[in-house]
Amino acid sequence: MTSRKNEKYEAILEGALQVFAEHGFHRSQVSKIARAAGVADGTIYLYFKRKEDILIELFRSKLGELIEKFTSGIENVTDAREALRRVCTIHYSELEANVALAYVTQIELRQSDLELRKEIGEAVKPYIKLIEDLLLKGIEQNVFRADLDVKLTRLLLFGAMDEVVTSWLISGRKYSLSAQVDSTLKFFLQGIGN
């Protein structure tokens, strides 16, 4: 019975991802999400009180999966510069491979109200912390400047990757997002490197 509940829960999140990406959060009805998930409208309310809760959980779930990929992708990497490269590579390649997720994370978040953005921001914190840890590691390894403002730099790096993805979407995905890794990292490593 539990696996069927989990299957429905995952189907609802996946259906919501597709519907939010296609119609936008505000124009997405729960009935559309239910149809995309292959469940009855009422089933959604067994798992979520409101549509906003679906969006919040979608961010938690998908960002959690991304953070797991980042963590496993840098697990055996000792050089902080290479670890940052891997994080950027995973960030771009995962969003390039899942355009619906890219739309929801890049476009819909910006159109949500402040309270919703704050709740979703909590889901982003582990990602920001991961970047911060890599910057601190680079300072320890003497490959990043010792006077680096780590708190600001982690946000700048995250924000830059975020903006690159948004620009890629707005351009109609006319170029490879993954091909932007080298230029992104070159820019940052020249600024923070020793």
N, C-alpha and C. Protein backbone atom coordinates (compact mmCIF):
# COMPACT_ATOMS: atom_id res chain seq x y z
N MET A 1 0.82 -1.20 0.00
CA MET A 1 0.00 0.00 0.00
C MET A 1 0.87 1.27 0.00
N THR A 2 1.95 1.26 0.75
CA THR A 2 2.82 2.44 0.83
C THR A 2 3.44 2.77 -0.51
N SER A 3 3.85 1.75 -1.27
CA SER A 3 4.48 2.02 -2.56
C SER A 3 3.47 2.65 -3.53
N ARG A 4 2.19 2.27 -3.44
CA ARG A 4 1.17 2.89 -4.29
C ARG A 4 0.97 4.35 -3.90
N LYS A 5 1.03 4.65 -2.60
CA LYS A 5 0.92 6.03 -2.14
C LYS A 5 2.09 6.85 -2.67
N ASN A 6 3.29 6.26 -2.57
CA ASN A 6 4.49 6.95 -3.07
C ASN A 6 4.40 7.17 -4.57
N GLU A 7 3.88 6.18 -5.30
CA GLU A 7 3.73 6.32 -6.75
C GLU A 7 2.79 7.46 -7.08
N LYS A 8 1.68 7.57 -6.37
CA LYS A 8 0.73 8.66 -6.63
C LYS A 8 1.34 10.01 -6.28
N TYR A 9 2.04 10.06 -5.17
CA TYR A 9 2.70 11.28 -4.73
C TYR A 9 3.69 11.75 -5.80
N GLU A 10 4.52 10.84 -6.27
CA GLU A 10 5.51 11.18 -7.30
C GLU A 10 4.82 11.56 -8.60
N ALA A 11 3.73 10.87 -8.94
CA ALA A 11 2.99 11.19 -10.16
C ALA A 11 2.40 12.60 -10.07
N ILE A 12 1.92 12.98 -8.89
CA ILE A 12 1.37 14.32 -8.70
C ILE A 12 2.47 15.36 -8.88
N LEU A 13 3.64 15.13 -8.29
CA LEU A 13 4.74 16.09 -8.45
C LEU A 13 5.17 16.19 -9.91
N GLU A 14 5.27 15.07 -10.57
CA GLU A 14 5.69 15.07 -11.98
C GLU A 14 4.63 15.73 -12.85
N GLY A 15 3.36 15.44 -12.57
CA GLY A 15 2.27 16.08 -13.31
C GLY A 15 2.28 17.58 -13.09
N ALA A 16 2.49 18.00 -11.84
CA ALA A 16 2.55 19.43 -11.52
C ALA A 16 3.70 20.10 -12.25
N LEU A 17 4.83 19.44 -12.31
CA LEU A 17 5.99 20.00 -13.01
C LEU A 17 5.63 20.30 -14.46
N GLN A 18 5.00 19.34 -15.12
CA GLN A 18 4.64 19.52 -16.53
C GLN A 18 3.59 20.62 -16.70
N VAL A 19 2.58 20.63 -15.83
CA VAL A 19 1.50 21.61 -15.94
C VAL A 19 2.02 23.01 -15.62
N PHE A 20 2.82 23.15 -14.56
CA PHE A 20 3.37 24.47 -14.20
C PHE A 20 4.26 24.99 -15.32
N ALA A 21 5.04 24.12 -15.92
CA ALA A 21 5.94 24.53 -17.00
C ALA A 21 5.15 24.98 -18.23
N GLU A 22 4.07 24.29 -18.52
CA GLU A 22 3.28 24.59 -19.71
C GLU A 22 2.36 25.80 -19.52
N HIS A 23 1.71 25.89 -18.38
CA HIS A 23 0.68 26.92 -18.18
C HIS A 23 1.09 28.03 -17.21
N GLY A 24 2.16 27.83 -16.48
CA GLY A 24 2.54 28.76 -15.43
C GLY A 24 1.79 28.41 -14.16
N PHE A 25 2.40 28.71 -13.03
CA PHE A 25 1.82 28.34 -11.74
C PHE A 25 0.42 28.94 -11.54
N HIS A 26 0.28 30.22 -11.81
CA HIS A 26 -0.98 30.90 -11.54
C HIS A 26 -2.13 30.47 -12.45
N ARG A 27 -1.81 29.98 -13.64
CA ARG A 27 -2.85 29.55 -14.56
C ARG A 27 -3.06 28.03 -14.53
N SER A 28 -2.42 27.38 -13.60
CA SER A 28 -2.54 25.91 -13.48
C SER A 28 -3.61 25.55 -12.46
N GLN A 29 -4.60 24.83 -12.90
CA GLN A 29 -5.63 24.36 -11.99
C GLN A 29 -5.25 22.99 -11.45
N VAL A 30 -5.73 22.71 -10.26
CA VAL A 30 -5.49 21.40 -9.64
C VAL A 30 -6.05 20.29 -10.53
N SER A 31 -7.14 20.56 -11.22
CA SER A 31 -7.72 19.54 -12.11
C SER A 31 -6.76 19.18 -13.24
N LYS A 32 -6.02 20.18 -13.76
CA LYS A 32 -5.02 19.90 -14.81
C LYS A 32 -3.88 19.05 -14.24
N ILE A 33 -3.47 19.36 -13.02
CA ILE A 33 -2.40 18.59 -12.38
C ILE A 33 -2.87 17.15 -12.18
N ALA A 34 -4.10 16.99 -11.70
CA ALA A 34 -4.65 15.65 -11.48
C ALA A 34 -4.69 14.87 -12.79
N ARG A 35 -5.15 15.51 -13.85
CA ARG A 35 -5.22 14.85 -15.15
C ARG A 35 -3.82 14.42 -15.62
N ALA A 36 -2.86 15.33 -15.49
CA ALA A 36 -1.48 15.00 -15.90
C ALA A 36 -0.88 13.89 -15.05
N ALA A 37 -1.30 13.81 -13.79
CA ALA A 37 -0.78 12.79 -12.86
C ALA A 37 -1.53 11.47 -12.99
N GLY A 38 -2.68 11.50 -13.65
CA GLY A 38 -3.48 10.29 -13.79
C GLY A 38 -4.21 9.91 -12.50
N VAL A 39 -4.60 10.94 -11.72
CA VAL A 39 -5.32 10.70 -10.47
C VAL A 39 -6.58 11.56 -10.46
N ALA A 40 -7.49 11.23 -9.54
CA ALA A 40 -8.70 12.04 -9.37
C ALA A 40 -8.33 13.36 -8.69
N ASP A 41 -9.12 14.40 -8.97
CA ASP A 41 -8.86 15.73 -8.38
C ASP A 41 -8.71 15.65 -6.86
N GLY A 42 -9.62 14.92 -6.22
CA GLY A 42 -9.62 14.82 -4.77
C GLY A 42 -8.39 14.14 -4.21
N THR A 43 -7.76 13.29 -5.00
CA THR A 43 -6.56 12.58 -4.54
C THR A 43 -5.44 13.56 -4.21
N ILE A 44 -5.36 14.61 -4.96
CA ILE A 44 -4.31 15.61 -4.72
C ILE A 44 -4.43 16.17 -3.31
N TYR A 45 -5.65 16.39 -2.86
CA TYR A 45 -5.86 16.97 -1.54
C TYR A 45 -5.58 16.00 -0.40
N LEU A 46 -5.39 14.74 -0.72
CA LEU A 46 -4.94 13.78 0.29
C LEU A 46 -3.46 14.00 0.62
N TYR A 47 -2.74 14.59 -0.33
CA TYR A 47 -1.30 14.80 -0.18
C TYR A 47 -0.93 16.26 0.06
N PHE A 48 -1.71 17.18 -0.48
CA PHE A 48 -1.38 18.61 -0.42
C PHE A 48 -2.62 19.41 -0.07
N LYS A 49 -2.46 20.40 0.81
CA LYS A 49 -3.59 21.25 1.22
C LYS A 49 -3.94 22.27 0.15
N ARG A 50 -2.91 22.76 -0.56
CA ARG A 50 -3.14 23.82 -1.55
C ARG A 50 -2.11 23.69 -2.67
N LYS A 51 -2.38 24.36 -3.75
CA LYS A 51 -1.51 24.29 -4.92
C LYS A 51 -0.10 24.79 -4.59
N GLU A 52 0.00 25.80 -3.73
CA GLU A 52 1.31 26.33 -3.34
C GLU A 52 2.17 25.26 -2.67
N ASP A 53 1.54 24.37 -1.90
CA ASP A 53 2.28 23.29 -1.24
C ASP A 53 2.88 22.34 -2.26
N ILE A 54 2.19 22.15 -3.37
CA ILE A 54 2.72 21.29 -4.44
C ILE A 54 3.99 21.92 -5.00
N LEU A 55 3.95 23.22 -5.27
CA LEU A 55 5.12 23.91 -5.82
C LEU A 55 6.30 23.85 -4.84
N ILE A 56 6.03 24.09 -3.56
CA ILE A 56 7.09 24.04 -2.56
C ILE A 56 7.70 22.65 -2.50
N GLU A 57 6.86 21.63 -2.47
CA GLU A 57 7.38 20.26 -2.40
C GLU A 57 8.11 19.88 -3.68
N LEU A 58 7.66 20.40 -4.80
CA LEU A 58 8.33 20.15 -6.07
C LEU A 58 9.76 20.69 -6.01
N PHE A 59 9.92 21.89 -5.49
CA PHE A 59 11.25 22.46 -5.34
C PHE A 59 12.10 21.63 -4.38
N ARG A 60 11.53 21.29 -3.23
CA ARG A 60 12.27 20.48 -2.25
C ARG A 60 12.74 19.16 -2.87
N SER A 61 11.83 18.50 -3.53
CA SER A 61 12.11 17.19 -4.10
C SER A 61 13.16 17.29 -5.21
N LYS A 62 12.94 18.16 -6.17
CA LYS A 62 13.84 18.25 -7.33
C LYS A 62 15.20 18.82 -6.93
N LEU A 63 15.22 19.82 -6.05
CA LEU A 63 16.51 20.35 -5.59
C LEU A 63 17.23 19.32 -4.73
N GLY A 64 16.46 18.54 -3.95
CA GLY A 64 17.07 17.46 -3.18
C GLY A 64 17.76 16.46 -4.08
N GLU A 65 17.10 16.11 -5.18
CA GLU A 65 17.70 15.18 -6.15
C GLU A 65 18.96 15.79 -6.76
N LEU A 66 18.90 17.09 -7.09
CA LEU A 66 20.08 17.75 -7.66
C LEU A 66 21.23 17.78 -6.67
N ILE A 67 20.93 18.07 -5.42
CA ILE A 67 21.99 18.13 -4.41
C ILE A 67 22.63 16.75 -4.23
N GLU A 68 21.83 15.70 -4.29
CA GLU A 68 22.39 14.34 -4.24
C GLU A 68 23.34 14.12 -5.42
N LYS A 69 22.96 14.60 -6.60
CA LYS A 69 23.82 14.45 -7.78
C LYS A 69 25.10 15.26 -7.62
N PHE A 70 24.98 16.48 -7.07
CA PHE A 70 26.17 17.29 -6.83
C PHE A 70 27.10 16.57 -5.86
N THR A 71 26.53 16.10 -4.77
CA THR A 71 27.32 15.45 -3.72
C THR A 71 28.04 14.22 -4.26
N SER A 72 27.32 13.38 -4.99
CA SER A 72 27.98 12.19 -5.54
C SER A 72 28.95 12.56 -6.66
N GLY A 73 28.66 13.65 -7.38
CA GLY A 73 29.54 14.08 -8.47
C GLY A 73 30.87 14.64 -8.00
N ILE A 74 30.91 15.15 -6.77
CA ILE A 74 32.16 15.72 -6.26
C ILE A 74 32.77 14.88 -5.14
N GLU A 75 32.17 13.75 -4.86
CA GLU A 75 32.57 12.90 -3.74
C GLU A 75 34.07 12.60 -3.70
N ASN A 76 34.64 12.26 -4.83
CA ASN A 76 36.05 11.87 -4.86
C ASN A 76 36.95 12.95 -5.47
N VAL A 77 36.42 14.17 -5.58
CA VAL A 77 37.19 15.26 -6.18
C VAL A 77 37.87 16.02 -5.05
N THR A 78 39.17 16.12 -5.12
CA THR A 78 39.91 16.81 -4.06
C THR A 78 40.13 18.28 -4.37
N ASP A 79 40.23 18.65 -5.64
CA ASP A 79 40.49 20.03 -6.03
C ASP A 79 39.19 20.83 -6.04
N ALA A 80 39.14 21.93 -5.30
CA ALA A 80 37.93 22.75 -5.19
C ALA A 80 37.51 23.33 -6.53
N ARG A 81 38.48 23.67 -7.38
CA ARG A 81 38.13 24.23 -8.70
C ARG A 81 37.40 23.19 -9.55
N GLU A 82 37.91 21.96 -9.53
CA GLU A 82 37.26 20.89 -10.29
C GLU A 82 35.89 20.57 -9.71
N ALA A 83 35.75 20.64 -8.40
CA ALA A 83 34.46 20.38 -7.77
C ALA A 83 33.44 21.44 -8.20
N LEU A 84 33.85 22.71 -8.25
CA LEU A 84 32.95 23.76 -8.74
C LEU A 84 32.56 23.52 -10.19
N ARG A 85 33.52 23.08 -10.98
CA ARG A 85 33.25 22.76 -12.39
C ARG A 85 32.20 21.66 -12.49
N ARG A 86 32.33 20.65 -11.67
CA ARG A 86 31.36 19.54 -11.70
C ARG A 86 29.97 20.00 -11.28
N VAL A 87 29.91 20.85 -10.25
CA VAL A 87 28.62 21.37 -9.81
C VAL A 87 27.97 22.16 -10.94
N CYS A 88 28.73 23.03 -11.59
CA CYS A 88 28.20 23.83 -12.69
C CYS A 88 27.77 22.93 -13.85
N THR A 89 28.56 21.93 -14.15
CA THR A 89 28.24 20.98 -15.23
C THR A 89 26.93 20.26 -14.93
N ILE A 90 26.79 19.77 -13.71
CA ILE A 90 25.55 19.06 -13.34
C ILE A 90 24.37 20.02 -13.38
N HIS A 91 24.56 21.22 -12.85
CA HIS A 91 23.49 22.23 -12.84
C HIS A 91 22.96 22.46 -14.26
N TYR A 92 23.87 22.75 -15.18
CA TYR A 92 23.46 23.05 -16.55
C TYR A 92 22.92 21.81 -17.27
N SER A 93 23.60 20.69 -17.14
CA SER A 93 23.17 19.50 -17.89
C SER A 93 21.83 18.96 -17.40
N GLU A 94 21.60 19.01 -16.09
CA GLU A 94 20.32 18.53 -15.56
C GLU A 94 19.16 19.41 -16.02
N LEU A 95 19.35 20.72 -16.00
CA LEU A 95 18.27 21.62 -16.42
C LEU A 95 18.09 21.60 -17.94
N GLU A 96 19.18 21.37 -18.66
CA GLU A 96 19.07 21.25 -20.12
C GLU A 96 18.30 19.97 -20.48
N ALA A 97 18.49 18.93 -19.70
CA ALA A 97 17.82 17.66 -19.97
C ALA A 97 16.36 17.66 -19.51
N ASN A 98 16.02 18.54 -18.58
CA ASN A 98 14.65 18.61 -18.06
C ASN A 98 14.16 20.05 -18.19
N VAL A 99 13.72 20.39 -19.39
CA VAL A 99 13.32 21.76 -19.70
C VAL A 99 12.15 22.20 -18.82
N ALA A 100 11.22 21.30 -18.52
CA ALA A 100 10.08 21.65 -17.66
C ALA A 100 10.59 22.11 -16.29
N LEU A 101 11.55 21.38 -15.74
CA LEU A 101 12.13 21.77 -14.45
C LEU A 101 12.83 23.13 -14.57
N ALA A 102 13.53 23.34 -15.66
CA ALA A 102 14.20 24.63 -15.88
C ALA A 102 13.18 25.76 -15.88
N TYR A 103 12.08 25.59 -16.59
CA TYR A 103 11.05 26.64 -16.63
C TYR A 103 10.48 26.91 -15.25
N VAL A 104 10.17 25.86 -14.53
CA VAL A 104 9.56 26.06 -13.21
C VAL A 104 10.54 26.71 -12.25
N THR A 105 11.79 26.25 -12.24
CA THR A 105 12.76 26.82 -11.29
C THR A 105 13.20 28.23 -11.67
N GLN A 106 13.24 28.53 -12.95
CA GLN A 106 13.75 29.82 -13.38
C GLN A 106 12.67 30.88 -13.55
N ILE A 107 11.55 30.50 -14.12
CA ILE A 107 10.54 31.48 -14.47
C ILE A 107 9.45 31.58 -13.39
N GLU A 108 8.92 30.45 -12.99
CA GLU A 108 7.80 30.46 -12.06
C GLU A 108 8.17 30.99 -10.68
N LEU A 109 9.36 30.68 -10.22
CA LEU A 109 9.78 31.15 -8.90
C LEU A 109 9.74 32.67 -8.83
N ARG A 110 10.13 33.32 -9.89
CA ARG A 110 10.19 34.78 -9.90
C ARG A 110 8.81 35.42 -9.93
N GLN A 111 7.80 34.66 -10.33
CA GLN A 111 6.45 35.20 -10.42
C GLN A 111 5.61 34.86 -9.19
N SER A 112 6.19 34.16 -8.25
CA SER A 112 5.46 33.76 -7.05
C SER A 112 5.49 34.90 -6.02
N ASP A 113 4.55 34.86 -5.08
CA ASP A 113 4.54 35.90 -4.06
C ASP A 113 5.70 35.71 -3.08
N LEU A 114 5.96 36.74 -2.30
CA LEU A 114 7.13 36.78 -1.41
C LEU A 114 7.14 35.62 -0.42
N GLU A 115 6.00 35.32 0.19
CA GLU A 115 5.94 34.23 1.18
C GLU A 115 6.27 32.89 0.54
N LEU A 116 5.77 32.66 -0.65
CA LEU A 116 6.05 31.42 -1.36
C LEU A 116 7.53 31.34 -1.72
N ARG A 117 8.09 32.45 -2.17
CA ARG A 117 9.52 32.48 -2.51
C ARG A 117 10.38 32.20 -1.29
N LYS A 118 9.95 32.71 -0.12
CA LYS A 118 10.71 32.44 1.11
C LYS A 118 10.71 30.95 1.43
N GLU A 119 9.55 30.32 1.30
CA GLU A 119 9.47 28.88 1.59
C GLU A 119 10.31 28.08 0.61
N ILE A 120 10.27 28.46 -0.66
CA ILE A 120 11.07 27.77 -1.67
C ILE A 120 12.56 28.04 -1.42
N GLY A 121 12.87 29.26 -0.95
CA GLY A 121 14.25 29.61 -0.64
C GLY A 121 14.88 28.66 0.37
N GLU A 122 14.07 28.14 1.28
CA GLU A 122 14.57 27.15 2.25
C GLU A 122 15.10 25.91 1.54
N ALA A 123 14.46 25.54 0.44
CA ALA A 123 14.89 24.36 -0.32
C ALA A 123 16.22 24.61 -1.03
N VAL A 124 16.52 25.88 -1.30
CA VAL A 124 17.75 26.24 -2.02
C VAL A 124 18.95 26.30 -1.07
N LYS A 125 18.70 26.49 0.23
CA LYS A 125 19.80 26.68 1.19
C LYS A 125 20.87 25.58 1.15
N PRO A 126 20.52 24.30 1.06
CA PRO A 126 21.59 23.28 1.01
C PRO A 126 22.50 23.44 -0.21
N TYR A 127 21.96 23.92 -1.32
CA TYR A 127 22.75 24.14 -2.52
C TYR A 127 23.74 25.29 -2.29
N ILE A 128 23.25 26.37 -1.70
CA ILE A 128 24.10 27.52 -1.39
C ILE A 128 25.21 27.10 -0.41
N LYS A 129 24.85 26.28 0.56
CA LYS A 129 25.82 25.78 1.55
C LYS A 129 26.89 24.93 0.87
N LEU A 130 26.49 24.11 -0.08
CA LEU A 130 27.45 23.27 -0.82
C LEU A 130 28.47 24.16 -1.53
N ILE A 131 27.99 25.20 -2.20
CA ILE A 131 28.90 26.12 -2.89
C ILE A 131 29.82 26.80 -1.89
N GLU A 132 29.27 27.22 -0.76
CA GLU A 132 30.08 27.86 0.28
C GLU A 132 31.19 26.92 0.76
N ASP A 133 30.85 25.67 0.99
CA ASP A 133 31.85 24.70 1.45
C ASP A 133 32.97 24.52 0.43
N LEU A 134 32.62 24.53 -0.85
CA LEU A 134 33.64 24.40 -1.90
C LEU A 134 34.54 25.63 -1.94
N LEU A 135 33.97 26.79 -1.72
CA LEU A 135 34.78 28.01 -1.68
C LEU A 135 35.75 27.98 -0.50
N LEU A 136 35.25 27.57 0.65
CA LEU A 136 36.12 27.45 1.84
C LEU A 136 37.23 26.44 1.61
N LYS A 137 36.89 25.34 0.96
CA LYS A 137 37.88 24.31 0.64
C LYS A 137 38.96 24.89 -0.28
N GLY A 138 38.54 25.70 -1.25
CA GLY A 138 39.49 26.32 -2.17
C GLY A 138 40.42 27.31 -1.47
N ILE A 139 39.89 28.01 -0.47
CA ILE A 139 40.72 28.92 0.32
C ILE A 139 41.75 28.11 1.11
N GLU A 140 41.30 27.02 1.72
CA GLU A 140 42.22 26.13 2.46
C GLU A 140 43.31 25.58 1.55
N GLN A 141 42.94 25.24 0.32
CA GLN A 141 43.90 24.68 -0.63
C GLN A 141 44.78 25.76 -1.26
N ASN A 142 44.50 27.02 -0.91
CA ASN A 142 45.25 28.15 -1.44
C ASN A 142 45.08 28.31 -2.96
N VAL A 143 43.95 27.86 -3.49
CA VAL A 143 43.66 28.06 -4.91
C VAL A 143 42.66 29.21 -5.10
N PHE A 144 41.98 29.61 -4.01
CA PHE A 144 41.10 30.77 -4.02
C PHE A 144 41.67 31.80 -3.05
N ARG A 145 41.43 33.05 -3.36
CA ARG A 145 41.98 34.14 -2.54
C ARG A 145 41.53 34.04 -1.09
N ALA A 146 42.46 34.30 -0.19
CA ALA A 146 42.18 34.23 1.24
C ALA A 146 41.21 35.33 1.69
N ASP A 147 41.21 36.46 0.97
CA ASP A 147 40.34 37.58 1.36
C ASP A 147 38.95 37.50 0.71
N LEU A 148 38.63 36.37 0.15
CA LEU A 148 37.36 36.18 -0.54
C LEU A 148 36.18 36.33 0.43
N ASP A 149 35.19 37.09 0.04
CA ASP A 149 33.95 37.20 0.82
C ASP A 149 33.10 35.99 0.41
N VAL A 150 33.20 34.94 1.19
CA VAL A 150 32.58 33.65 0.84
C VAL A 150 31.07 33.76 0.76
N LYS A 151 30.46 34.47 1.70
CA LYS A 151 28.99 34.60 1.72
C LYS A 151 28.49 35.29 0.46
N LEU A 152 29.17 36.34 0.03
CA LEU A 152 28.77 37.04 -1.17
C LEU A 152 29.08 36.21 -2.42
N THR A 153 30.27 35.62 -2.47
CA THR A 153 30.70 34.87 -3.64
C THR A 153 29.81 33.66 -3.91
N ARG A 154 29.37 32.99 -2.86
CA ARG A 154 28.49 31.83 -3.07
C ARG A 154 27.19 32.27 -3.75
N LEU A 155 26.67 33.44 -3.35
CA LEU A 155 25.45 33.95 -3.97
C LEU A 155 25.69 34.42 -5.40
N LEU A 156 26.85 35.03 -5.64
CA LEU A 156 27.18 35.47 -6.99
C LEU A 156 27.32 34.28 -7.94
N LEU A 157 27.95 33.24 -7.48
CA LEU A 157 28.13 32.05 -8.33
C LEU A 157 26.78 31.40 -8.61
N PHE A 158 25.98 31.21 -7.57
CA PHE A 158 24.65 30.63 -7.75
C PHE A 158 23.81 31.51 -8.67
N GLY A 159 23.85 32.82 -8.43
CA GLY A 159 23.07 33.76 -9.24
C GLY A 159 23.51 33.79 -10.69
N ALA A 160 24.80 33.66 -10.92
CA ALA A 160 25.30 33.64 -12.30
C ALA A 160 24.80 32.41 -13.04
N MET A 161 24.90 31.25 -12.40
CA MET A 161 24.40 30.02 -13.04
C MET A 161 22.90 30.13 -13.28
N ASP A 162 22.20 30.68 -12.32
CA ASP A 162 20.76 30.87 -12.42
C ASP A 162 20.43 31.76 -13.62
N GLU A 163 21.14 32.85 -13.78
CA GLU A 163 20.89 33.78 -14.88
C GLU A 163 21.24 33.17 -16.23
N VAL A 164 22.30 32.38 -16.29
CA VAL A 164 22.67 31.72 -17.54
C VAL A 164 21.54 30.79 -18.00
N VAL A 165 20.95 30.07 -17.05
CA VAL A 165 19.83 29.17 -17.39
C VAL A 165 18.62 29.99 -17.84
N THR A 166 18.31 31.06 -17.14
CA THR A 166 17.17 31.90 -17.51
C THR A 166 17.36 32.48 -18.92
N SER A 167 18.54 32.98 -19.21
CA SER A 167 18.82 33.53 -20.54
C SER A 167 18.69 32.48 -21.62
N TRP A 168 19.14 31.28 -21.32
CA TRP A 168 19.02 30.16 -22.27
C TRP A 168 17.54 29.88 -22.57
N LEU A 169 16.71 29.88 -21.54
CA LEU A 169 15.28 29.65 -21.74
C LEU A 169 14.64 30.77 -22.55
N ILE A 170 14.94 32.01 -22.17
CA ILE A 170 14.35 33.17 -22.84
C ILE A 170 14.76 33.22 -24.31
N SER A 171 15.98 32.76 -24.61
CA SER A 171 16.46 32.78 -26.00
C SER A 171 15.78 31.71 -26.85
N GLY A 172 14.98 30.87 -26.22
CA GLY A 172 14.35 29.78 -26.96
C GLY A 172 15.24 28.56 -27.05
N ARG A 173 16.22 28.48 -26.14
CA ARG A 173 17.14 27.33 -26.09
C ARG A 173 17.87 27.15 -27.44
N LYS A 174 18.37 28.26 -27.97
CA LYS A 174 19.00 28.26 -29.29
C LYS A 174 20.44 27.76 -29.27
N TYR A 175 20.97 27.50 -28.10
CA TYR A 175 22.35 27.03 -27.98
C TYR A 175 22.41 26.02 -26.84
N SER A 176 23.53 25.37 -26.72
CA SER A 176 23.69 24.35 -25.68
C SER A 176 23.98 25.02 -24.34
N LEU A 177 23.16 24.70 -23.37
CA LEU A 177 23.38 25.21 -22.01
C LEU A 177 24.66 24.59 -21.44
N SER A 178 24.84 23.32 -21.65
CA SER A 178 26.03 22.62 -21.12
C SER A 178 27.33 23.21 -21.66
N ALA A 179 27.27 23.77 -22.85
CA ALA A 179 28.47 24.35 -23.46
C ALA A 179 28.89 25.65 -22.77
N GLN A 180 28.08 26.15 -21.84
CA GLN A 180 28.38 27.40 -21.15
C GLN A 180 29.22 27.20 -19.88
N VAL A 181 29.49 25.94 -19.53
CA VAL A 181 30.22 25.64 -18.29
C VAL A 181 31.60 26.30 -18.28
N ASP A 182 32.38 26.10 -19.34
CA ASP A 182 33.75 26.62 -19.35
C ASP A 182 33.80 28.14 -19.20
N SER A 183 32.95 28.84 -19.93
CA SER A 183 32.94 30.30 -19.84
C SER A 183 32.50 30.77 -18.46
N THR A 184 31.52 30.11 -17.89
CA THR A 184 31.04 30.47 -16.55
C THR A 184 32.16 30.31 -15.53
N LEU A 185 32.81 29.15 -15.57
CA LEU A 185 33.86 28.87 -14.59
C LEU A 185 35.09 29.72 -14.81
N LYS A 186 35.44 29.97 -16.06
CA LYS A 186 36.60 30.81 -16.35
C LYS A 186 36.41 32.20 -15.74
N PHE A 187 35.23 32.76 -15.91
CA PHE A 187 34.93 34.08 -15.37
C PHE A 187 35.11 34.09 -13.85
N PHE A 188 34.53 33.10 -13.18
CA PHE A 188 34.61 33.08 -11.72
C PHE A 188 35.99 32.72 -11.21
N LEU A 189 36.62 31.74 -11.81
CA LEU A 189 37.92 31.32 -11.30
C LEU A 189 38.98 32.42 -11.49
N GLN A 190 38.83 33.23 -12.54
CA GLN A 190 39.78 34.34 -12.68
C GLN A 190 39.56 35.39 -11.60
N GLY A 191 38.32 35.53 -11.18
CA GLY A 191 38.02 36.53 -10.14
C GLY A 191 38.35 36.07 -8.73
N ILE A 192 38.22 34.76 -8.46
CA ILE A 192 38.44 34.31 -7.09
C ILE A 192 39.74 33.53 -6.90
N GLY A 193 40.40 33.22 -8.02
CA GLY A 193 41.62 32.42 -7.93
C GLY A 193 42.80 33.18 -7.35
N ASN A 194 43.75 32.40 -6.88
CA ASN A 194 44.97 32.96 -6.32
C ASN A 194 46.00 33.15 -7.39
